Amino acid sequence: MVLTATLLSAIQISEEGSTPRTAVAAVVVSSAYGVGTELLQERIPGREFEWGDLLAGVLGSVGGVLCWYLAEEGR
């Protein structure tokens, strides 16, 4: 969630505002990061790739977008 909200803030500053496109970009980038870390876990003894973790990461990214927009509306 925090990574996605941070990405949205950075994109908003650089593009002078956020759009649904920026929200999707933030979710895609943070989800790709989550996929990468899941794939790297396979290389660590005792750790393995889990679809549940991947789903939790994507849902966390979407939650980060929602929280960020709610916080921005309150300003």
Protein backbone atom coordinates (compact mmCIF):
# COMPACT_ATOMS: atom_id res chain seq x y z
CA MET A 1 0.00 0.00 0.00
CA VAL A 2 2.73 2.42 0.97
CA LEU A 3 4.73 1.78 -2.21
CA THR A 4 1.67 2.44 -4.37
CA ALA A 5 0.73 5.61 -2.50
CA THR A 6 4.32 6.85 -2.78
CA LEU A 7 4.36 6.15 -6.51
CA LEU A 8 1.10 8.05 -6.93
CA SER A 9 2.49 11.02 -5.06
CA ALA A 10 5.62 11.02 -7.20
CA ILE A 11 3.63 10.73 -10.42
CA GLN A 12 1.25 13.48 -9.35
CA ILE A 13 4.13 15.86 -8.68
CA SER A 14 5.83 15.12 -11.98
CA GLU A 15 2.68 15.20 -14.12
CA GLU A 16 0.80 18.03 -12.36
CA GLY A 17 -2.14 15.93 -11.22
CA SER A 18 -3.29 12.36 -11.14
CA THR A 19 -5.61 10.53 -13.46
CA PRO A 20 -6.95 6.99 -13.54
CA ARG A 21 -4.01 6.24 -15.84
CA THR A 22 -1.53 7.22 -13.13
CA ALA A 23 -3.35 5.04 -10.62
CA VAL A 24 -3.16 2.06 -12.96
CA ALA A 25 0.53 2.75 -13.58
CA ALA A 26 1.24 2.80 -9.84
CA VAL A 27 -0.63 -0.48 -9.31
CA VAL A 28 1.19 -2.13 -12.23
CA VAL A 29 4.63 -1.01 -11.05
CA SER A 30 4.07 -2.01 -7.43
CA SER A 31 2.50 -5.33 -8.47
CA ALA A 32 5.47 -6.04 -10.75
CA TYR A 33 7.74 -5.40 -7.79
CA GLY A 34 5.68 -7.89 -5.77
CA VAL A 35 5.94 -10.51 -8.51
CA GLY A 36 9.68 -10.00 -8.65
CA THR A 37 10.10 -10.51 -4.92
CA GLU A 38 7.91 -13.61 -5.04
CA LEU A 39 10.05 -15.07 -7.82
CA LEU A 40 13.23 -14.30 -5.89
CA GLN A 41 11.88 -16.18 -2.87
CA GLU A 42 12.14 -19.43 -4.81
CA ARG A 43 15.93 -19.07 -4.64
CA ILE A 44 15.95 -18.91 -0.82
CA PRO A 45 15.94 -22.27 0.98
CA GLY A 46 12.70 -22.81 2.87
CA ARG A 47 10.82 -20.15 0.91
CA GLU A 48 8.55 -20.61 -2.08
CA PHE A 49 6.33 -18.73 -4.50
CA GLU A 50 2.77 -18.37 -3.17
CA TRP A 51 -0.22 -17.19 -5.16
CA GLY A 52 -1.85 -15.92 -1.96
CA ASP A 53 1.06 -13.55 -1.34
CA LEU A 54 0.84 -12.34 -4.91
CA LEU A 55 -2.91 -11.68 -4.58
CA ALA A 56 -2.36 -9.90 -1.27
CA GLY A 57 0.22 -7.65 -2.93
CA VAL A 58 -2.13 -6.70 -5.76
CA LEU A 59 -4.99 -6.05 -3.35
CA GLY A 60 -2.64 -3.98 -1.20
CA SER A 61 -1.71 -1.93 -4.26
CA VAL A 62 -5.35 -1.28 -5.06
CA GLY A 63 -5.95 -0.41 -1.40
CA GLY A 64 -3.04 2.02 -1.55
CA VAL A 65 -4.67 3.81 -4.49
CA LEU A 66 -7.99 4.03 -2.66
CA CYS A 67 -6.39 5.33 0.54
CA TRP A 68 -4.33 7.86 -1.38
CA TYR A 69 -7.37 9.21 -3.21
CA LEU A 70 -9.39 9.42 0.02
CA ALA A 71 -6.54 11.33 1.66
CA GLU A 72 -6.31 13.70 -1.31
CA GLU A 73 -10.06 14.39 -1.25
CA GLY A 74 -9.79 15.40 2.40
CA ARG A 75 -7.27 18.16 1.60
